[in-house]
Protein backbone atom coordinates (compact mmCIF):
# COMPACT_ATOMS: atom_id res chain seq x y z
CA MET A 1 -0.08 -0.05 -0.12
CA CYS A 2 1.18 3.43 -0.95
CA GLY A 3 -0.32 7.05 -0.02
CA GLY A 4 -0.87 9.68 -2.67
CA THR A 5 -3.06 12.84 -2.87
CA LEU A 6 -5.87 13.79 -5.19
CA ILE A 7 -4.85 16.77 -7.41
CA THR A 8 -7.52 16.85 -10.16
CA ARG A 9 -10.79 15.00 -10.68
CA ARG A 10 -8.99 12.50 -12.87
CA PHE A 11 -5.42 12.53 -11.48
CA ALA A 12 -3.61 11.58 -8.25
CA LEU A 13 0.08 12.07 -7.31
CA THR A 14 2.15 9.57 -5.83
CA ALA A 15 5.69 8.03 -6.06
CA ALA A 16 6.96 6.51 -9.17
CA HIS A 17 8.44 3.52 -6.91
CA CYS A 18 4.61 2.78 -5.94
CA LEU A 19 3.83 2.20 -9.88
CA GLY A 20 4.28 -0.67 -12.38
CA ILE A 21 2.22 -3.03 -10.25
CA GLU A 22 0.62 -5.71 -12.57
CA GLU A 23 -2.70 -5.79 -10.82
CA ASP A 24 -5.57 -3.70 -10.72
CA LEU A 25 -5.36 -0.57 -8.87
CA HIS A 26 -7.75 1.32 -6.90
CA VAL A 27 -7.68 4.42 -4.90
CA GLY A 28 -9.43 5.13 -1.72
CA LEU A 29 -10.56 8.69 -0.95
CA GLY A 30 -11.65 10.76 1.86
CA ALA A 31 -10.60 7.93 4.48
CA TYR A 32 -9.55 8.52 8.20
CA ASN A 33 -9.52 4.94 9.04
CA LYS A 34 -7.76 3.52 5.89
CA SER A 35 -10.11 0.60 5.73
CA ILE A 36 -13.21 2.66 5.47
CA PRO A 37 -12.51 5.11 2.49
CA GLN A 38 -15.61 7.36 1.55
CA ASP A 39 -15.21 6.63 -2.16
CA THR A 40 -13.21 4.28 -4.36
CA TYR A 41 -11.77 4.66 -7.71
CA THR A 42 -10.35 2.51 -10.40
CA VAL A 43 -6.98 3.56 -11.78
CA SER A 44 -6.86 3.14 -15.50
CA HIS A 45 -3.29 4.24 -16.19
CA GLN A 46 0.03 4.43 -14.12
CA ILE A 47 2.18 7.19 -15.25
CA PRO A 48 5.69 7.47 -13.76
CA HIS A 49 8.33 10.16 -14.41
CA PRO A 50 10.13 8.96 -17.67
CA GLN A 51 13.25 9.53 -16.02
CA TYR A 52 12.44 7.26 -13.16
CA ARG A 53 14.05 3.66 -12.72
CA HIS A 54 13.84 1.45 -9.70
CA GLY A 55 16.33 2.12 -7.00
CA PHE A 56 17.07 5.71 -7.74
CA SER A 57 14.85 8.48 -6.36
CA PRO A 58 15.74 11.90 -8.08
CA TYR A 59 12.44 11.51 -10.24
CA ASP A 60 10.55 9.38 -7.68
CA ILE A 61 7.25 10.92 -8.85
CA GLY A 62 4.09 9.54 -10.67
CA LEU A 63 0.45 10.08 -11.50
CA LEU A 64 -2.60 7.90 -11.45
CA LYS A 65 -5.22 8.55 -13.86
CA LEU A 66 -8.82 7.56 -12.62
CA SER A 67 -11.08 5.49 -14.85
CA THR A 68 -13.86 8.11 -13.75
CA SER A 69 -14.09 11.71 -12.59
CA VAL A 70 -13.98 12.11 -8.66
CA VAL A 71 -17.11 13.96 -7.25
CA TYR A 72 -15.98 16.46 -4.78
CA ASN A 73 -17.54 16.66 -1.20
CA MET A 74 -16.75 17.91 2.22
CA ASN A 75 -14.30 14.99 2.73
CA VAL A 76 -13.01 14.64 -0.81
CA LYS A 77 -10.88 17.73 -2.26
CA PRO A 78 -7.89 18.17 -4.17
CA ILE A 79 -4.82 19.35 -2.77
CA CYS A 80 -3.21 22.60 -3.91
CA ILE A 81 -0.11 22.46 -6.12
CA TYR A 82 1.60 25.83 -6.63
CA THR A 83 2.55 25.75 -10.62
CA ASN A 84 4.87 28.81 -10.51
CA LYS A 85 8.33 27.42 -10.09
CA GLU A 86 9.68 30.40 -8.48
CA ILE A 87 8.01 29.28 -5.25
CA LYS A 88 10.96 26.88 -4.99
CA LYS A 89 13.28 29.25 -3.70
CA SER A 90 10.98 29.89 -0.86
CA VAL A 91 10.38 26.16 -0.24
CA GLU A 92 14.41 26.03 0.38
CA LYS A 93 14.03 28.52 3.20
CA LEU A 94 11.26 26.60 5.00
CA LYS A 95 11.91 25.37 8.51
CA THR A 96 9.23 22.80 9.11
CA PHE A 97 6.64 20.76 6.83
CA GLU A 98 3.74 18.43 7.74
CA ALA A 99 3.53 14.65 6.54
CA PHE A 100 0.68 12.17 6.66
CA GLY A 101 0.00 8.67 5.99
CA TRP A 102 -0.80 5.17 7.39
CA GLY A 103 2.87 3.99 7.52
CA LEU A 104 4.48 1.87 10.31
CA LYS A 105 4.11 3.42 13.67
CA LYS A 106 7.27 3.98 16.31
CA ASN A 107 6.62 0.41 17.64
CA PHE A 108 6.66 -0.70 13.99
CA ASN A 109 2.95 -1.89 13.89
CA ASP A 110 0.50 -0.94 11.10
CA SER A 111 -1.52 2.24 11.55
CA GLU A 112 -5.12 2.08 10.91
CA ILE A 113 -5.87 5.87 11.55
CA LEU A 114 -4.32 8.70 9.58
CA GLN A 115 -1.10 9.79 11.31
CA THR A 116 0.46 13.25 11.01
CA ILE A 117 3.84 14.60 12.12
CA THR A 118 5.72 17.76 11.89
CA LEU A 119 9.21 17.47 10.36
CA ASN A 120 12.20 19.85 10.39
CA GLN A 121 13.91 20.72 6.74
CA MET A 122 17.42 19.24 7.04
CA ASP A 123 20.54 20.26 5.36
CA LYS A 124 21.46 18.11 2.57
CA ASN A 125 24.83 17.49 3.93
CA GLU A 126 23.55 16.51 7.32
CA CYS A 127 21.22 14.26 5.59
CA LEU A 128 24.00 12.70 3.45
CA SER A 129 25.43 10.88 6.80
CA LEU A 130 22.03 9.62 7.55
CA VAL A 131 20.62 8.19 4.33
CA TYR A 132 23.74 7.37 2.77
CA GLN A 133 22.76 9.03 -0.45
CA ASP A 134 23.98 12.01 -2.18
CA LEU A 135 20.56 14.41 -2.74
CA LEU A 136 19.75 16.48 -5.96
CA SER A 137 18.01 19.74 -5.94
CA SER A 138 14.82 17.79 -6.87
CA GLN A 139 14.72 16.35 -3.38
CA ILE A 140 13.92 17.59 0.02
CA CYS A 141 15.36 16.10 3.19
CA ALA A 142 13.43 16.40 6.45
CA GLY A 143 13.46 14.51 9.80
CA SER A 144 12.43 15.00 13.43
CA PRO A 145 13.71 13.43 16.83
CA ASN A 146 10.05 12.76 17.72
CA GLY A 147 9.85 10.32 14.80
CA ASP A 148 9.82 9.91 11.07
CA THR A 149 7.82 8.87 8.04
CA CYS A 150 8.25 5.02 7.45
CA LYS A 151 7.26 1.89 5.34
CA GLY A 152 3.49 2.48 4.10
CA ASP A 153 3.95 6.37 4.00
CA SER A 154 5.65 6.13 0.37
CA GLY A 155 3.79 8.38 -2.06
CA GLY A 156 2.02 10.56 0.82
CA PRO A 157 2.12 14.20 0.73
CA LEU A 158 4.82 16.51 2.33
CA ILE A 159 2.71 19.88 2.82
CA LYS A 160 2.88 23.32 4.32
CA LYS A 161 0.32 26.25 4.68
CA LEU A 162 1.26 28.81 2.46
CA LYS A 163 -0.10 32.29 1.94
CA ILE A 164 -0.97 32.90 -1.66
CA ASN A 165 -3.00 35.59 -3.17
CA ASN A 166 -3.94 36.80 0.50
CA GLN A 167 -5.07 33.21 1.33
CA ASN A 168 -3.69 30.38 3.54
CA LEU A 169 -3.69 27.20 1.58
CA THR A 170 -2.59 23.73 2.30
CA THR A 171 -0.03 23.00 -0.32
CA GLN A 172 1.73 19.95 -1.20
CA LEU A 173 5.56 20.47 -1.54
CA GLY A 174 6.84 16.85 -1.32
CA ILE A 175 6.41 13.31 -1.96
CA VAL A 176 7.50 10.30 0.42
CA SER A 177 10.36 8.79 -1.32
CA PHE A 178 12.69 6.86 1.03
CA GLY A 179 14.38 6.97 4.45
CA THR A 180 16.38 5.05 6.94
CA THR A 181 14.95 1.38 7.76
CA ALA A 182 14.88 2.29 11.49
CA CYS A 183 12.56 5.36 10.45
CA ASN A 184 14.11 7.63 13.21
CA SER A 185 16.07 10.32 11.84
CA ALA A 186 15.61 11.82 8.20
CA ALA A 187 13.87 10.90 5.23
CA VAL A 188 13.88 12.05 1.35
CA TYR A 189 10.97 13.61 -0.36
CA THR A 190 10.77 14.35 -4.01
CA ASP A 191 10.26 18.11 -4.47
CA VAL A 192 6.91 18.60 -6.31
CA THR A 193 7.87 22.18 -7.12
CA SER A 194 10.69 20.69 -9.41
CA PHE A 195 8.15 18.74 -11.47
CA VAL A 196 5.22 21.26 -11.88
CA ASP A 197 5.91 21.41 -15.58
CA TRP A 198 5.94 17.53 -16.18
CA ILE A 199 2.78 17.38 -13.94
CA GLN A 200 1.06 20.05 -15.94
CA GLU A 201 2.12 18.45 -19.38
CA THR A 202 1.35 15.22 -18.61
CA ILE A 203 -2.26 15.89 -17.39
CA ASN A 204 -2.90 18.51 -20.37
CA SER A 205 -1.96 15.78 -22.92
CA SER A 206 -3.08 12.85 -21.26
CA ASP A 207 -5.37 11.73 -24.03
CA GLU A 208 -2.59 11.67 -26.53
CA GLN A 209 0.16 10.15 -24.28
CA LEU A 210 -2.27 7.31 -23.20
CA ASN A 211 -2.53 6.27 -26.78
CA GLY A 212 1.26 6.52 -27.15
CA GLN A 213 4.32 5.09 -25.26
CA THR A 214 4.67 7.17 -21.68
CA PRO A 215 2.43 5.49 -19.17
CA TYR A 216 1.94 2.27 -17.82
CA GLY A 217 -1.22 1.48 -19.90
CA SER A 218 -2.74 -1.77 -19.77
CA HIS A 219 0.23 -2.93 -17.62
CA GLU A 220 2.92 -2.01 -20.13
CA ALA A 221 6.38 -0.94 -19.21
CA PRO A 222 7.46 2.48 -20.50
CA THR A 223 9.32 2.12 -23.78
CA LEU A 224 12.07 4.68 -22.75
CA ARG A 225 15.26 2.33 -22.86
CA PRO A 226 17.19 1.76 -19.70
CA PRO A 227 19.89 4.44 -19.32
CA VAL A 228 22.75 2.00 -18.47
CA GLY A 229 22.74 -1.03 -20.73
CA ASN A 230 22.34 -4.56 -19.43
CA TYR A 231 21.66 -3.55 -15.89
CA ASN A 232 19.50 -5.46 -13.22
CA THR A 233 17.16 -3.27 -11.80
CA GLU A 234 16.99 -4.66 -8.39
CA VAL A 235 20.83 -4.46 -7.60
CA PHE A 236 23.18 -3.11 -9.87
CA LEU A 237 23.81 -0.05 -12.09
CA TYR A 238 25.62 -2.36 -14.51
CA GLN A 239 24.77 -6.14 -14.60
CA ASP A 240 27.82 -7.54 -16.05
CA CYS A 241 30.30 -6.57 -13.58
CA ALA A 242 33.39 -7.77 -11.53
CA LYS A 243 33.07 -10.79 -9.23
CA LYS A 244 35.11 -12.79 -6.74
CA ASP A 245 38.53 -10.88 -6.86
CA MET A 246 39.63 -7.47 -7.01
CA GLY A 247 41.96 -8.40 -9.64
CA SER A 248 38.98 -8.73 -11.99
CA VAL A 249 37.94 -5.27 -11.67
CA LEU A 250 39.13 -3.06 -14.84
CA ARG A 251 41.31 -0.33 -13.60
CA PRO A 252 42.85 2.21 -15.91
CA THR A 253 45.33 4.80 -15.60
CA ILE A 254 44.35 8.58 -16.27
CA TYR A 255 47.08 10.80 -17.85
CA GLY A 256 47.13 14.38 -18.38
CA PRO A 257 49.73 17.46 -18.42
CA GLY A 258 50.76 17.32 -14.96
CA PHE A 259 48.36 14.73 -13.86
CA LYS A 260 48.53 10.83 -13.29
CA ALA A 261 45.88 8.81 -11.24
CA LEU A 262 44.38 5.49 -11.25
CA GLY A 263 40.41 4.88 -12.00
CA VAL A 264 37.83 2.04 -12.01
CA PHE A 265 35.33 1.47 -14.77
CA ILE A 266 31.65 1.37 -13.86
CA HIS A 267 30.27 0.69 -17.26
CA PRO A 268 32.04 0.00 -20.56
CA GLN A 269 32.23 3.79 -21.52
CA PHE A 270 32.34 5.58 -17.97
CA VAL A 271 35.26 5.65 -15.40
CA ILE A 272 35.40 7.04 -11.84
CA THR A 273 38.58 8.85 -10.71
CA VAL A 274 39.50 11.79 -8.39
CA ALA A 275 38.90 15.40 -9.29
CA THR A 276 41.70 17.15 -7.74
CA ASN A 277 44.32 18.61 -10.29
CA LEU A 278 42.37 16.70 -13.10
CA PRO A 279 42.60 19.16 -16.20
CA GLU A 280 39.62 21.03 -17.09
CA ASN A 281 40.42 20.34 -21.16
CA HIS A 282 39.09 16.59 -21.69
CA ASN A 283 40.92 16.54 -24.91
CA SER A 284 44.17 16.56 -23.06
CA LEU A 285 43.15 13.15 -21.11
CA GLU A 286 44.09 9.56 -22.15
CA VAL A 287 42.69 6.74 -20.26
CA THR A 288 44.94 3.46 -20.73
CA PHE A 289 44.57 0.00 -19.36
CA MET A 290 45.87 -3.61 -20.07
CA GLY A 291 43.31 -5.80 -21.21
CA GLU A 292 43.62 -9.83 -21.25
CA GLN A 293 45.89 -9.79 -24.28
CA LYS A 294 46.03 -6.31 -25.49
CA TYR A 295 46.75 -2.78 -24.45
CA GLU A 296 43.87 -0.08 -25.17
CA GLU A 297 44.08 3.63 -24.88
CA HIS A 298 41.02 5.81 -25.14
CA LYS A 299 40.40 9.68 -25.36
CA VAL A 300 37.98 11.27 -23.10
CA SER A 301 35.08 13.05 -24.84
CA SER A 302 33.40 14.22 -21.41
CA VAL A 303 34.34 15.34 -17.92
CA PHE A 304 31.81 15.63 -14.98
CA LYS A 305 33.52 16.81 -11.51
CA LEU A 306 32.16 16.76 -8.08
CA PRO A 307 35.30 18.68 -6.92
CA GLU A 308 34.03 19.19 -3.14
CA HIS A 309 34.25 15.49 -2.98
CA ASP A 310 37.19 14.79 -4.94
CA ILE A 311 35.18 12.78 -7.61
CA ALA A 312 35.24 12.73 -11.22
CA LEU A 313 33.45 11.02 -13.81
CA LEU A 314 34.94 10.52 -17.34
CA LYS A 315 33.17 9.52 -20.55
CA LEU A 316 35.33 7.72 -22.96
CA ASP A 317 34.86 8.37 -27.00
CA LYS A 318 33.81 4.89 -27.14
CA GLN A 319 33.12 1.71 -25.21
CA ILE A 320 36.13 -0.48 -24.43
CA GLY A 321 36.44 -3.96 -25.65
CA SER A 322 34.60 -6.81 -23.84
CA TYR A 323 36.52 -9.34 -21.68
CA GLU A 324 35.91 -12.36 -19.89
CA SER A 325 37.81 -11.94 -16.74
CA LEU A 326 38.07 -8.23 -16.50
CA LYS A 327 34.86 -6.12 -15.69
CA PRO A 328 33.70 -2.79 -14.49
CA ILE A 329 33.18 -2.73 -10.87
CA CYS A 330 29.68 -2.95 -9.38
CA MET A 331 27.67 -0.10 -7.93
CA LEU A 332 24.59 -0.63 -6.03
CA THR A 333 21.42 0.77 -7.13
CA SER A 334 19.20 1.32 -3.95
CA PRO A 335 19.82 3.38 -0.77
CA GLU A 336 18.92 0.64 1.48
CA TYR A 337 21.63 -1.66 -0.61
CA GLN A 338 24.14 0.92 -0.31
CA GLU A 339 23.72 1.80 3.34
CA ASN A 340 24.07 -2.06 4.16
CA ALA A 341 27.37 -2.19 2.22
CA GLN A 342 29.01 0.86 4.09
CA LYS A 343 28.23 -1.20 7.38
CA GLY A 344 29.69 -4.55 6.32
CA PHE A 345 33.35 -4.63 7.68
CA PRO A 346 35.76 -5.58 6.86
CA PHE A 347 36.49 -3.70 3.44
CA VAL A 348 38.68 -4.80 0.92
CA MET A 349 41.89 -3.28 -1.04
CA PHE A 350 43.92 -4.93 -3.62
CA ASP A 351 47.49 -5.48 -2.99
CA ASP A 352 49.08 -5.24 -6.46
CA GLU A 353 52.32 -6.60 -5.61
CA LYS A 354 50.98 -9.87 -4.28
CA ALA A 355 47.95 -9.96 -6.26
CA ILE A 356 45.93 -10.59 -3.50
CA ASN A 357 42.64 -9.09 -1.67
CA VAL A 358 43.45 -7.48 1.76
CA ALA A 359 40.88 -6.75 4.65
CA VAL A 360 41.02 -3.32 5.94
CA VAL A 361 38.68 -1.68 8.55
CA PRO A 362 38.39 2.22 8.19
CA GLY A 363 39.67 3.71 11.68
CA ASP A 364 39.00 7.15 13.49
CA LEU A 365 39.06 10.13 11.39
CA ASN A 366 41.06 11.77 14.08
CA LEU A 367 44.08 9.42 12.96
CA CYS A 368 44.21 10.90 9.71
CA THR A 369 43.62 14.46 11.01
CA HIS A 370 46.54 14.56 13.07
CA HIS A 371 48.63 12.67 10.57
CA PHE A 372 47.49 15.02 7.68
CA GLY A 373 46.96 18.23 9.62
CA ALA A 374 43.66 18.68 8.15
CA LYS A 375 40.06 17.79 9.39
CA LEU A 376 38.12 15.14 7.75
CA ASP A 377 34.34 15.12 7.10
CA GLN A 378 31.82 12.35 7.06
CA ASN A 379 32.11 11.74 3.38
CA GLN A 380 35.90 10.34 4.01
CA PHE A 381 37.41 7.28 5.62
CA CYS A 382 40.70 7.09 6.93
CA VAL A 383 42.38 3.59 6.59
CA GLU A 384 45.74 2.44 7.91
CA SER A 385 47.61 -0.20 5.88
CA PRO A 386 47.46 -3.39 7.31
CA HIS A 387 50.86 -5.07 8.37
CA GLU A 388 50.67 -7.80 5.52
CA MET A 389 50.45 -4.73 2.92
CA ASN A 390 52.97 -2.58 1.29
CA ILE A 391 52.76 0.66 3.35
CA ALA A 392 54.04 2.93 0.70
CA GLN A 393 52.07 5.69 -0.52
CA LYS A 394 48.88 4.47 -2.49
CA THR A 395 48.15 6.27 -5.82
CA SER A 396 45.41 8.82 -6.05
CA GLY A 397 42.33 6.54 -7.45
CA GLU A 398 43.21 3.47 -5.81
CA ILE A 399 39.85 1.74 -4.73
CA MET A 400 38.24 0.08 -1.70
CA ALA A 401 35.36 -2.23 -2.09
CA ASN A 402 33.21 -4.56 -0.33
CA VAL A 403 32.05 -7.83 -1.40
CA LEU A 404 28.31 -9.11 -1.85
CA ARG A 405 27.09 -12.23 -1.30
CA PRO A 406 26.07 -14.79 -2.39
CA ASP A 407 27.72 -14.44 -5.64
CA TYR A 408 30.48 -12.27 -4.36
CA HIS A 409 30.14 -9.00 -6.43
CA ILE A 410 32.76 -6.37 -6.03
CA ILE A 411 31.27 -3.14 -4.67
CA LEU A 412 32.70 0.13 -5.20
CA LEU A 413 32.82 2.00 -1.67
CA ALA A 414 35.70 4.55 -1.92
CA MET A 415 38.64 6.06 -3.63
CA VAL A 416 41.88 7.12 -2.49
CA SER A 417 42.24 11.01 -2.37
CA TYR A 418 45.61 11.10 -0.96
CA SER A 419 47.95 9.12 1.35
CA SER A 420 51.45 8.99 2.93
CA ASP A 421 53.43 6.50 5.35
CA GLY A 422 50.55 3.85 5.02
CA ILE A 423 47.84 6.20 6.08
CA HIS A 424 45.12 6.70 3.35
CA VAL A 425 42.31 9.29 2.95
CA PHE A 426 39.45 7.42 0.90
CA THR A 427 36.66 9.74 -0.42
CA ASN A 428 33.06 7.95 -0.04
CA VAL A 429 32.19 7.32 -3.89
CA ILE A 430 28.85 5.28 -2.89
CA LYS A 431 27.20 7.92 -1.21
CA HIS A 432 27.29 9.97 -4.60
CA THR A 433 25.77 7.15 -6.72
CA ASN A 434 22.89 9.58 -7.59
CA TRP A 435 25.06 11.95 -8.90
CA ILE A 436 27.11 9.66 -11.15
CA TRP A 437 23.64 8.09 -12.12
CA ASN A 438 22.33 11.31 -13.01
CA ASN A 439 25.43 12.19 -15.49
CA ILE A 440 25.20 8.46 -17.35
CA TYR A 441 21.33 8.85 -17.65
CA ASN A 442 21.17 12.35 -19.04
CA TYR A 443 24.07 11.80 -21.33
CA GLN A 444 22.47 8.42 -22.82
CA ARG A 445 19.12 10.12 -22.77
CA SER A 446 20.80 12.69 -25.44
CA GLN A 447 21.84 10.29 -27.74
């Protein structure tokens, strides 16, 4: 069960991850007790945002078209959606919101009665340390020490009373998207103000679109092709990724004027590396690696940087060749998988000299702060080389991973920013999967 809101006589707003169900859907309206709605309407079409895919939330918004028009009454009325996008600037300054839903309560029991909670808007950097997900401008983070939205609240509204044209109107500003499994700190909401154009266009042209390819009509999936080829929508960004051993991971070297660093393939045409000192001119960069029997060199056609977190994404001029034993590293899709991967100590590094996996456990950040004289943040790991590993300085772009059972997939966690005397500072890459995904997806949509 998911929540939602009525926004016109024929359309309800919800989260995209609530859609795609291959069974008849019904919308209950005017309910306080969830099992006793005042009216029930059949859903004729499920319409997710075209850029949404399972496991990633920046476009976690969808519409339900009802089979017949709703009859408004005292208990059944549409919520207000403010269509002027300028309101987004004001939303970013709001301190509190209200959330509603029939999700799990503090004791994790089902709620039969509609619940409400006041939530504080949270800084996205603070949210990053709680939900283990890098947020975009199309998302809102909110939480409270007194509780949180939880399982069963998905698709429900985040609202605020706003004064518009001298009227105080209850306005929907967000949609419940995802949060922590404990439901006790923070959750992420799709920012409705970022999608008002899509909402209006979809509703206004619904008759044409419902005869075309965009909605889930008659239980058909959208025809927009998956952005990362050959991927498993349940787990990985790219399905044919490395298993068993760190030595099976495709790890190139990136060269440029005054620059050399290691990187890692996450897709046959995309490489993650460090942003520090990376030349701005992509034409000056070259990506090289030794395949199974041949040496490959590639030019870089585009560079995407996240300099504040020392991460860069390189798009090559063409895809690399296919190999049996060498694969791109795996990246997890869902925030829950990502969160669990960061808790599964020990992590793994690869000792190139001995060609073996070496177990490592991140240490106290104060160790690196003392050693390097610079304070680390929650987006970084401090790691001391274990005794069995060469303590020499690690090259920028070296990776730290986790191993996901049962098939022993190698999961990218972090990358070396800098190191000395066997002490290494890693930047957390997995927290920025959203940003990485967004750039790859936007590129592939433009092709």
